[in-house]
Amino acid sequence: MSFTDKVKNETDELAGKAKQAVGRATDNERLVAEGQAQETAAHAKKAGEHVKDAGKDVRDAFS
């Protein structure tokens, strides 16, 4: 996973958490849901990057 990918994923995750916090503070369920979706998407991207890195490690081990 490149540094830029890590930064983008962390930024998305933090933005999602911020949306959730603002949504809860303002009693805005839509904003809470958007934040949860954004945070979940960031987690999925992270998981995908981890799988890709693991695949590269396996490939390198057999090279």
PDB file of N, CA and C in Angstrom:
ATOM      1  N   MET A   1       0.857  -1.163   0.000  1.00  0.00           N
ATOM      2  CA  MET A   1       0.000   0.000   0.000  1.00  0.00           C
ATOM      3  C   MET A   1       0.899   1.221   0.000  1.00  0.00           C
ATOM      4  N   SER A   2       0.653   2.106  -0.914  1.00  0.00           N
ATOM      5  CA  SER A   2       1.484   3.301  -0.992  1.00  0.00           C
ATOM      6  C   SER A   2       1.095   4.291   0.109  1.00  0.00           C
ATOM      7  N   PHE A   3       1.999   5.180   0.355  1.00  0.00           N
ATOM      8  CA  PHE A   3       1.766   6.190   1.385  1.00  0.00           C
ATOM      9  C   PHE A   3       0.541   7.028   1.051  1.00  0.00           C
ATOM     10  N   THR A   4       0.382   7.376  -0.216  1.00  0.00           N
ATOM     11  CA  THR A   4      -0.770   8.199  -0.609  1.00  0.00           C
ATOM     12  C   THR A   4      -2.088   7.468  -0.386  1.00  0.00           C
ATOM     13  N   ASP A   5      -2.092   6.158  -0.678  1.00  0.00           N
ATOM     14  CA  ASP A   5      -3.304   5.373  -0.434  1.00  0.00           C
ATOM     15  C   ASP A   5      -3.637   5.354   1.053  1.00  0.00           C
ATOM     16  N   LYS A   6      -2.614   5.184   1.882  1.00  0.00           N
ATOM     17  CA  LYS A   6      -2.839   5.172   3.326  1.00  0.00           C
ATOM     18  C   LYS A   6      -3.421   6.502   3.792  1.00  0.00           C
ATOM     19  N   VAL A   7      -2.867   7.599   3.290  1.00  0.00           N
ATOM     20  CA  VAL A   7      -3.343   8.928   3.685  1.00  0.00           C
ATOM     21  C   VAL A   7      -4.784   9.133   3.235  1.00  0.00           C
ATOM     22  N   LYS A   8      -5.092   8.739   1.998  1.00  0.00           N
ATOM     23  CA  LYS A   8      -6.468   8.887   1.491  1.00  0.00           C
ATOM     24  C   LYS A   8      -7.451   8.070   2.327  1.00  0.00           C
ATOM     25  N   ASN A   9      -7.078   6.835   2.646  1.00  0.00           N
ATOM     26  CA  ASN A   9      -7.959   5.987   3.440  1.00  0.00           C
ATOM     27  C   ASN A   9      -8.169   6.556   4.837  1.00  0.00           C
ATOM     28  N   GLU A  10      -7.093   7.024   5.458  1.00  0.00           N
ATOM     29  CA  GLU A  10      -7.209   7.614   6.798  1.00  0.00           C
ATOM     30  C   GLU A  10      -8.062   8.882   6.755  1.00  0.00           C
ATOM     31  N   THR A  11      -7.876   9.688   5.714  1.00  0.00           N
ATOM     32  CA  THR A  11      -8.661  10.917   5.564  1.00  0.00           C
ATOM     33  C   THR A  11     -10.141  10.591   5.425  1.00  0.00           C
ATOM     34  N   ASP A  12     -10.452   9.590   4.598  1.00  0.00           N
ATOM     35  CA  ASP A  12     -11.858   9.189   4.434  1.00  0.00           C
ATOM     36  C   ASP A  12     -12.438   8.682   5.749  1.00  0.00           C
ATOM     37  N   GLU A  13     -11.650   7.899   6.470  1.00  0.00           N
ATOM     38  CA  GLU A  13     -12.125   7.357   7.742  1.00  0.00           C
ATOM     39  C   GLU A  13     -12.397   8.486   8.747  1.00  0.00           C
ATOM     40  N   LEU A  14     -11.459   9.424   8.838  1.00  0.00           N
ATOM     41  CA  LEU A  14     -11.636  10.536   9.778  1.00  0.00           C
ATOM     42  C   LEU A  14     -12.797  11.435   9.367  1.00  0.00           C
ATOM     43  N   ALA A  15     -12.961  11.645   8.074  1.00  0.00           N
ATOM     44  CA  ALA A  15     -14.087  12.455   7.601  1.00  0.00           C
ATOM     45  C   ALA A  15     -15.407  11.773   7.953  1.00  0.00           C
ATOM     46  N   GLY A  16     -15.449  10.466   7.814  1.00  0.00           N
ATOM     47  CA  GLY A  16     -16.654   9.723   8.180  1.00  0.00           C
ATOM     48  C   GLY A  16     -16.965   9.836   9.656  1.00  0.00           C
ATOM     49  N   LYS A  17     -15.923   9.731  10.483  1.00  0.00           N
ATOM     50  CA  LYS A  17     -16.122   9.868  11.926  1.00  0.00           C
ATOM     51  C   LYS A  17     -16.594  11.271  12.276  1.00  0.00           C
ATOM     52  N   ALA A  18     -16.044  12.267  11.588  1.00  0.00           N
ATOM     53  CA  ALA A  18     -16.451  13.652  11.843  1.00  0.00           C
ATOM     54  C   ALA A  18     -17.915  13.864  11.458  1.00  0.00           C
ATOM     55  N   LYS A  19     -18.312  13.315  10.308  1.00  0.00           N
ATOM     56  CA  LYS A  19     -19.711  13.438   9.891  1.00  0.00           C
ATOM     57  C   LYS A  19     -20.638  12.800  10.916  1.00  0.00           C
ATOM     58  N   GLN A  20     -20.232  11.635  11.419  1.00  0.00           N
ATOM     59  CA  GLN A  20     -21.062  10.963  12.422  1.00  0.00           C
ATOM     60  C   GLN A  20     -21.193  11.818  13.680  1.00  0.00           C
ATOM     61  N   ALA A  21     -20.090  12.400  14.113  1.00  0.00           N
ATOM     62  CA  ALA A  21     -20.108  13.219  15.329  1.00  0.00           C
ATOM     63  C   ALA A  21     -20.993  14.449  15.145  1.00  0.00           C
ATOM     64  N   VAL A  22     -20.861  15.100  14.009  1.00  0.00           N
ATOM     65  CA  VAL A  22     -21.683  16.286  13.737  1.00  0.00           C
ATOM     66  C   VAL A  22     -23.146  15.878  13.621  1.00  0.00           C
ATOM     67  N   GLY A  23     -23.396  14.766  12.963  1.00  0.00           N
ATOM     68  CA  GLY A  23     -24.769  14.282  12.818  1.00  0.00           C
ATOM     69  C   GLY A  23     -25.415  13.973  14.154  1.00  0.00           C
ATOM     70  N   ARG A  24     -24.640  13.345  15.043  1.00  0.00           N
ATOM     71  CA  ARG A  24     -25.182  13.046  16.377  1.00  0.00           C
ATOM     72  C   ARG A  24     -25.418  14.327  17.181  1.00  0.00           C
ATOM     73  N   ALA A  25     -24.492  15.279  17.059  1.00  0.00           N
ATOM     74  CA  ALA A  25     -24.615  16.530  17.813  1.00  0.00           C
ATOM     75  C   ALA A  25     -25.810  17.353  17.342  1.00  0.00           C
ATOM     76  N   THR A  26     -26.115  17.270  16.058  1.00  0.00           N
ATOM     77  CA  THR A  26     -27.219  18.053  15.506  1.00  0.00           C
ATOM     78  C   THR A  26     -28.493  17.230  15.327  1.00  0.00           C
ATOM     79  N   ASP A  27     -28.449  15.978  15.777  1.00  0.00           N
ATOM     80  CA  ASP A  27     -29.582  15.061  15.653  1.00  0.00           C
ATOM     81  C   ASP A  27     -29.999  14.886  14.191  1.00  0.00           C
ATOM     82  N   ASN A  28     -28.986  14.728  13.327  1.00  0.00           N
ATOM     83  CA  ASN A  28     -29.207  14.567  11.898  1.00  0.00           C
ATOM     84  C   ASN A  28     -28.854  13.130  11.512  1.00  0.00           C
ATOM     85  N   GLU A  29     -29.868  12.281  11.402  1.00  0.00           N
ATOM     86  CA  GLU A  29     -29.657  10.858  11.126  1.00  0.00           C
ATOM     87  C   GLU A  29     -29.029  10.622   9.758  1.00  0.00           C
ATOM     88  N   ARG A  30     -29.377  11.453   8.778  1.00  0.00           N
ATOM     89  CA  ARG A  30     -28.822  11.301   7.434  1.00  0.00           C
ATOM     90  C   ARG A  30     -27.314  11.503   7.447  1.00  0.00           C
ATOM     91  N   LEU A  31     -26.852  12.498   8.178  1.00  0.00           N
ATOM     92  CA  LEU A  31     -25.422  12.782   8.256  1.00  0.00           C
ATOM     93  C   LEU A  31     -24.685  11.669   9.000  1.00  0.00           C
ATOM     94  N   VAL A  32     -25.313  11.120  10.028  1.00  0.00           N
ATOM     95  CA  VAL A  32     -24.718   9.986  10.748  1.00  0.00           C
ATOM     96  C   VAL A  32     -24.567   8.802   9.792  1.00  0.00           C
ATOM     97  N   ALA A  33     -25.593   8.533   9.009  1.00  0.00           N
ATOM     98  CA  ALA A  33     -25.559   7.414   8.059  1.00  0.00           C
ATOM     99  C   ALA A  33     -24.495   7.641   6.987  1.00  0.00           C
ATOM    100  N   GLU A  34     -24.381   8.862   6.488  1.00  0.00           N
ATOM    101  CA  GLU A  34     -23.349   9.172   5.494  1.00  0.00           C
ATOM    102  C   GLU A  34     -21.956   8.945   6.080  1.00  0.00           C
ATOM    103  N   GLY A  35     -21.779   9.363   7.308  1.00  0.00           N
ATOM    104  CA  GLY A  35     -20.494   9.178   7.976  1.00  0.00           C
ATOM    105  C   GLY A  35     -20.158   7.710   8.153  1.00  0.00           C
ATOM    106  N   GLN A  36     -21.152   6.921   8.540  1.00  0.00           N
ATOM    107  CA  GLN A  36     -20.933   5.482   8.704  1.00  0.00           C
ATOM    108  C   GLN A  36     -20.568   4.836   7.373  1.00  0.00           C
ATOM    109  N   ALA A  37     -21.251   5.242   6.323  1.00  0.00           N
ATOM    110  CA  ALA A  37     -20.969   4.688   4.997  1.00  0.00           C
ATOM    111  C   ALA A  37     -19.561   5.064   4.543  1.00  0.00           C
ATOM    112  N   GLN A  38     -19.173   6.293   4.776  1.00  0.00           N
ATOM    113  CA  GLN A  38     -17.843   6.744   4.373  1.00  0.00           C
ATOM    114  C   GLN A  38     -16.757   6.007   5.162  1.00  0.00           C
ATOM    115  N   GLU A  39     -16.988   5.836   6.453  1.00  0.00           N
ATOM    116  CA  GLU A  39     -16.017   5.130   7.289  1.00  0.00           C
ATOM    117  C   GLU A  39     -15.921   3.651   6.877  1.00  0.00           C
ATOM    118  N   THR A  40     -17.051   3.036   6.582  1.00  0.00           N
ATOM    119  CA  THR A  40     -17.063   1.643   6.146  1.00  0.00           C
ATOM    120  C   THR A  40     -16.335   1.488   4.811  1.00  0.00           C
ATOM    121  N   ALA A  41     -16.544   2.425   3.908  1.00  0.00           N
ATOM    122  CA  ALA A  41     -15.853   2.377   2.616  1.00  0.00           C
ATOM    123  C   ALA A  41     -14.341   2.483   2.809  1.00  0.00           C
ATOM    124  N   ALA A  42     -13.912   3.336   3.722  1.00  0.00           N
ATOM    125  CA  ALA A  42     -12.479   3.484   3.995  1.00  0.00           C
ATOM    126  C   ALA A  42     -11.915   2.189   4.565  1.00  0.00           C
ATOM    127  N   HIS A  43     -12.659   1.536   5.446  1.00  0.00           N
ATOM    128  CA  HIS A  43     -12.213   0.256   6.010  1.00  0.00           C
ATOM    129  C   HIS A  43     -12.101  -0.803   4.908  1.00  0.00           C
ATOM    130  N   ALA A  44     -13.057  -0.804   3.984  1.00  0.00           N
ATOM    131  CA  ALA A  44     -13.030  -1.777   2.892  1.00  0.00           C
ATOM    132  C   ALA A  44     -11.817  -1.534   1.992  1.00  0.00           C
ATOM    133  N   LYS A  45     -11.521  -0.271   1.728  1.00  0.00           N
ATOM    134  CA  LYS A  45     -10.349   0.049   0.914  1.00  0.00           C
ATOM    135  C   LYS A  45      -9.073  -0.413   1.606  1.00  0.00           C
ATOM    136  N   LYS A  46      -9.006  -0.192   2.911  1.00  0.00           N
ATOM    137  CA  LYS A  46      -7.832  -0.632   3.677  1.00  0.00           C
ATOM    138  C   LYS A  46      -7.677  -2.147   3.586  1.00  0.00           C
ATOM    139  N   ALA A  47      -8.783  -2.860   3.744  1.00  0.00           N
ATOM    140  CA  ALA A  47      -8.740  -4.322   3.682  1.00  0.00           C
ATOM    141  C   ALA A  47      -8.277  -4.775   2.304  1.00  0.00           C
ATOM    142  N   GLY A  48      -8.762  -4.137   1.268  1.00  0.00           N
ATOM    143  CA  GLY A  48      -8.343  -4.474  -0.093  1.00  0.00           C
ATOM    144  C   GLY A  48      -6.860  -4.242  -0.295  1.00  0.00           C
ATOM    145  N   GLU A  49      -6.358  -3.156   0.244  1.00  0.00           N
ATOM    146  CA  GLU A  49      -4.932  -2.858   0.122  1.00  0.00           C
ATOM    147  C   GLU A  49      -4.096  -3.888   0.882  1.00  0.00           C
ATOM    148  N   HIS A  50      -4.592  -4.323   2.032  1.00  0.00           N
ATOM    149  CA  HIS A  50      -3.874  -5.340   2.812  1.00  0.00           C
ATOM    150  C   HIS A  50      -3.823  -6.669   2.045  1.00  0.00           C
ATOM    151  N   VAL A  51      -4.918  -7.026   1.401  1.00  0.00           N
ATOM    152  CA  VAL A  51      -4.954  -8.257   0.611  1.00  0.00           C
ATOM    153  C   VAL A  51      -3.979  -8.146  -0.560  1.00  0.00           C
ATOM    154  N   LYS A  52      -3.978  -6.991  -1.202  1.00  0.00           N
ATOM    155  CA  LYS A  52      -3.069  -6.781  -2.330  1.00  0.00           C
ATOM    156  C   LYS A  52      -1.615  -6.882  -1.864  1.00  0.00           C
ATOM    157  N   ASP A  53      -1.296  -6.286  -0.719  1.00  0.00           N
ATOM    158  CA  ASP A  53       0.059  -6.363  -0.170  1.00  0.00           C
ATOM    159  C   ASP A  53       0.437  -7.801   0.167  1.00  0.00           C
ATOM    160  N   ALA A  54      -0.502  -8.542   0.730  1.00  0.00           N
ATOM    161  CA  ALA A  54      -0.230  -9.938   1.081  1.00  0.00           C
ATOM    162  C   ALA A  54       0.028 -10.754  -0.184  1.00  0.00           C
ATOM    163  N   GLY A  55      -0.716 -10.493  -1.226  1.00  0.00           N
ATOM    164  CA  GLY A  55      -0.505 -11.183  -2.493  1.00  0.00           C
ATOM    165  C   GLY A  55       0.874 -10.909  -3.061  1.00  0.00           C
ATOM    166  N   LYS A  56       1.309  -9.664  -2.952  1.00  0.00           N
ATOM    167  CA  LYS A  56       2.648  -9.310  -3.422  1.00  0.00           C
ATOM    168  C   LYS A  56       3.714 -10.026  -2.600  1.00  0.00           C
ATOM    169  N   ASP A  57       3.485 -10.121  -1.292  1.00  0.00           N
ATOM    170  CA  ASP A  57       4.440 -10.803  -0.429  1.00  0.00           C
ATOM    171  C   ASP A  57       4.559 -12.287  -0.801  1.00  0.00           C
ATOM    172  N   VAL A  58       3.433 -12.924  -1.080  1.00  0.00           N
ATOM    173  CA  VAL A  58       3.435 -14.334  -1.466  1.00  0.00           C
ATOM    174  C   VAL A  58       4.149 -14.501  -2.805  1.00  0.00           C
ATOM    175  N   ARG A  59       3.825 -13.631  -3.747  1.00  0.00           N
ATOM    176  CA  ARG A  59       4.476 -13.692  -5.054  1.00  0.00           C
ATOM    177  C   ARG A  59       5.981 -13.526  -4.915  1.00  0.00           C
ATOM    178  N   ASP A  60       6.411 -12.577  -4.087  1.00  0.00           N
ATOM    179  CA  ASP A  60       7.835 -12.336  -3.886  1.00  0.00           C
ATOM    180  C   ASP A  60       8.514 -13.522  -3.203  1.00  0.00           C
ATOM    181  N   ALA A  61       7.795 -14.224  -2.344  1.00  0.00           N
ATOM    182  CA  ALA A  61       8.371 -15.365  -1.648  1.00  0.00           C
ATOM    183  C   ALA A  61       8.681 -16.514  -2.609  1.00  0.00           C
ATOM    184  N   PHE A  62       7.910 -16.614  -3.696  1.00  0.00           N
ATOM    185  CA  PHE A  62       8.113 -17.699  -4.647  1.00  0.00           C
ATOM    186  C   PHE A  62       8.951 -17.277  -5.850  1.00  0.00           C
ATOM    187  N   SER A  63       9.414 -16.059  -5.861  1.00  0.00           N
ATOM    188  CA  SER A  63      10.224 -15.572  -6.981  1.00  0.00           C
ATOM    189  C   SER A  63      11.678 -15.832  -6.777  1.00  0.00           C
TER     190      SER A  63
END
